[in-house]
Structure formats: structure tokens, C-alpha cells
Amino acid sequence: MNLNSDSIKLIKNWLLQVPLDELRKKVNECESQSDKEWWEQIYKLAVQERKEHSYGR
């Protein structure tokens, strides 16, 4: 999948804004392992993005 810079900015902004507890809840609600792994990756990206964003200040 190729993403342009506008798409990447939108995704990064979303990762910064979505509450981490909501993402964790989504992970815990998944019934299939593949869905759970996907949401775990999203959660990890959100945590990483917040760390990078806070260091950039």
C-alpha cells in the first residue's frame, strides 16, 4: 500500500488523538487472533507516535 504524505499526516494525527484506553479495549474485544494482532499493532503505533511527538517538542 502506498500512502501519500497527506494520508500519513492524517493517520499520525489520528494516532495522537485516539485515546489509548479505547485502542486497548478494541484489542481485548477481538475474537479472531488476526484482528487482535492488527489492533495490537495500531496500539503500538499510537504509543510510539506519542513518544516521538512528545520528544519533538
N, C-alpha and C. Protein backbone atom coordinates (compact mmCIF):
# COMPACT_ATOMS: atom_id res chain seq x y z
N MET A 1 0.84 -1.17 0.00
CA MET A 1 0.00 0.00 0.00
C MET A 1 0.89 1.24 0.00
N ASN A 2 0.65 2.13 -0.92
CA ASN A 2 1.39 3.39 -0.97
C ASN A 2 0.53 4.50 -0.40
N LEU A 3 1.09 5.23 0.51
CA LEU A 3 0.38 6.35 1.13
C LEU A 3 1.11 7.63 0.77
N ASN A 4 0.35 8.65 0.42
CA ASN A 4 0.99 9.93 0.17
C ASN A 4 1.18 10.66 1.50
N SER A 5 1.89 11.77 1.47
CA SER A 5 2.23 12.47 2.71
C SER A 5 0.99 12.98 3.44
N ASP A 6 -0.06 13.38 2.71
CA ASP A 6 -1.29 13.83 3.37
C ASP A 6 -1.95 12.69 4.13
N SER A 7 -1.95 11.50 3.55
CA SER A 7 -2.53 10.34 4.21
C SER A 7 -1.75 9.98 5.47
N ILE A 8 -0.44 10.06 5.37
CA ILE A 8 0.40 9.74 6.52
C ILE A 8 0.16 10.74 7.64
N LYS A 9 0.03 12.02 7.30
CA LYS A 9 -0.26 13.05 8.32
C LYS A 9 -1.59 12.79 8.99
N LEU A 10 -2.61 12.42 8.21
CA LEU A 10 -3.92 12.11 8.79
C LEU A 10 -3.85 10.94 9.76
N ILE A 11 -3.14 9.91 9.36
CA ILE A 11 -3.00 8.73 10.21
C ILE A 11 -2.26 9.08 11.49
N LYS A 12 -1.16 9.84 11.37
CA LYS A 12 -0.40 10.22 12.56
C LYS A 12 -1.25 11.09 13.49
N ASN A 13 -2.01 12.00 12.94
CA ASN A 13 -2.89 12.83 13.77
C ASN A 13 -3.92 11.97 14.49
N TRP A 14 -4.49 11.00 13.78
CA TRP A 14 -5.47 10.11 14.40
C TRP A 14 -4.82 9.31 15.52
N LEU A 15 -3.62 8.82 15.28
CA LEU A 15 -2.91 8.04 16.31
C LEU A 15 -2.65 8.88 17.56
N LEU A 16 -2.44 10.17 17.37
CA LEU A 16 -2.20 11.05 18.52
C LEU A 16 -3.49 11.37 19.27
N GLN A 17 -4.61 11.35 18.57
CA GLN A 17 -5.86 11.79 19.17
C GLN A 17 -6.70 10.68 19.78
N VAL A 18 -6.63 9.49 19.22
CA VAL A 18 -7.47 8.41 19.73
C VAL A 18 -6.98 8.01 21.13
N PRO A 19 -7.89 7.92 22.08
CA PRO A 19 -7.47 7.52 23.44
C PRO A 19 -6.89 6.10 23.47
N LEU A 20 -5.77 5.96 24.15
CA LEU A 20 -5.12 4.65 24.22
C LEU A 20 -6.00 3.61 24.89
N ASP A 21 -6.79 4.01 25.86
CA ASP A 21 -7.67 3.04 26.52
C ASP A 21 -8.73 2.51 25.57
N GLU A 22 -9.15 3.33 24.60
CA GLU A 22 -10.11 2.84 23.60
C GLU A 22 -9.45 1.81 22.68
N LEU A 23 -8.20 2.06 22.32
CA LEU A 23 -7.48 1.09 21.48
C LEU A 23 -7.26 -0.21 22.24
N ARG A 24 -6.89 -0.11 23.50
CA ARG A 24 -6.67 -1.31 24.31
C ARG A 24 -7.97 -2.11 24.45
N LYS A 25 -9.09 -1.39 24.62
CA LYS A 25 -10.40 -2.04 24.71
C LYS A 25 -10.71 -2.78 23.41
N LYS A 26 -10.38 -2.14 22.29
CA LYS A 26 -10.62 -2.76 20.98
C LYS A 26 -9.81 -4.05 20.85
N VAL A 27 -8.56 -4.02 21.31
CA VAL A 27 -7.71 -5.22 21.27
C VAL A 27 -8.37 -6.34 22.09
N ASN A 28 -8.83 -6.01 23.27
CA ASN A 28 -9.41 -7.01 24.17
C ASN A 28 -10.73 -7.57 23.66
N GLU A 29 -11.45 -6.80 22.84
CA GLU A 29 -12.75 -7.25 22.33
C GLU A 29 -12.63 -8.17 21.12
N CYS A 30 -11.47 -8.22 20.49
CA CYS A 30 -11.30 -9.01 19.27
C CYS A 30 -11.45 -10.50 19.56
N GLU A 31 -12.20 -11.14 18.70
CA GLU A 31 -12.38 -12.58 18.84
C GLU A 31 -11.38 -13.36 17.99
N SER A 32 -11.04 -12.84 16.83
CA SER A 32 -10.09 -13.56 15.99
C SER A 32 -8.67 -13.09 16.28
N GLN A 33 -7.74 -13.99 16.20
CA GLN A 33 -6.34 -13.69 16.51
C GLN A 33 -5.77 -12.67 15.52
N SER A 34 -6.14 -12.77 14.26
CA SER A 34 -5.61 -11.84 13.26
C SER A 34 -6.10 -10.41 13.53
N ASP A 35 -7.37 -10.27 13.92
CA ASP A 35 -7.89 -8.95 14.26
C ASP A 35 -7.18 -8.40 15.50
N LYS A 36 -6.98 -9.28 16.47
CA LYS A 36 -6.31 -8.86 17.70
C LYS A 36 -4.89 -8.38 17.40
N GLU A 37 -4.17 -9.10 16.57
CA GLU A 37 -2.80 -8.72 16.22
C GLU A 37 -2.79 -7.38 15.48
N TRP A 38 -3.77 -7.18 14.60
CA TRP A 38 -3.85 -5.93 13.85
C TRP A 38 -4.06 -4.75 14.79
N TRP A 39 -5.01 -4.88 15.72
CA TRP A 39 -5.28 -3.79 16.67
C TRP A 39 -4.13 -3.59 17.64
N GLU A 40 -3.40 -4.65 17.98
CA GLU A 40 -2.22 -4.51 18.83
C GLU A 40 -1.15 -3.67 18.12
N GLN A 41 -1.01 -3.88 16.81
CA GLN A 41 -0.05 -3.08 16.04
C GLN A 41 -0.47 -1.62 16.01
N ILE A 42 -1.77 -1.36 15.86
CA ILE A 42 -2.27 0.01 15.87
C ILE A 42 -1.99 0.65 17.22
N TYR A 43 -2.22 -0.09 18.29
CA TYR A 43 -1.95 0.40 19.64
C TYR A 43 -0.47 0.76 19.80
N LYS A 44 0.40 -0.13 19.36
CA LYS A 44 1.84 0.12 19.46
C LYS A 44 2.25 1.34 18.66
N LEU A 45 1.68 1.49 17.47
CA LEU A 45 1.98 2.67 16.66
C LEU A 45 1.53 3.95 17.35
N ALA A 46 0.37 3.90 17.99
CA ALA A 46 -0.14 5.08 18.70
C ALA A 46 0.79 5.45 19.85
N VAL A 47 1.25 4.47 20.59
CA VAL A 47 2.17 4.72 21.70
C VAL A 47 3.48 5.30 21.17
N GLN A 48 4.00 4.70 20.11
CA GLN A 48 5.25 5.17 19.51
C GLN A 48 5.11 6.60 18.99
N GLU A 49 4.01 6.88 18.34
CA GLU A 49 3.77 8.22 17.78
C GLU A 49 3.72 9.26 18.89
N ARG A 50 3.09 8.92 20.00
CA ARG A 50 3.03 9.85 21.13
C ARG A 50 4.41 10.11 21.73
N LYS A 51 5.22 9.06 21.81
CA LYS A 51 6.58 9.24 22.32
C LYS A 51 7.38 10.15 21.40
N GLU A 52 7.30 9.90 20.10
CA GLU A 52 8.03 10.72 19.15
C GLU A 52 7.53 12.15 19.17
N HIS A 53 6.23 12.32 19.30
CA HIS A 53 5.64 13.65 19.31
C HIS A 53 6.06 14.42 20.56
N SER A 54 6.12 13.75 21.69
CA SER A 54 6.50 14.43 22.93
C SER A 54 7.99 14.77 22.95
N TYR A 55 8.82 13.95 22.30
CA TYR A 55 10.25 14.24 22.23
C TYR A 55 10.53 15.38 21.27
N GLY A 56 9.66 15.55 20.29
CA GLY A 56 9.86 16.59 19.29
C GLY A 56 9.54 17.97 19.78
N ARG A 57 8.97 18.10 20.96
CA ARG A 57 8.58 19.42 21.49
C ARG A 57 9.74 20.16 22.07
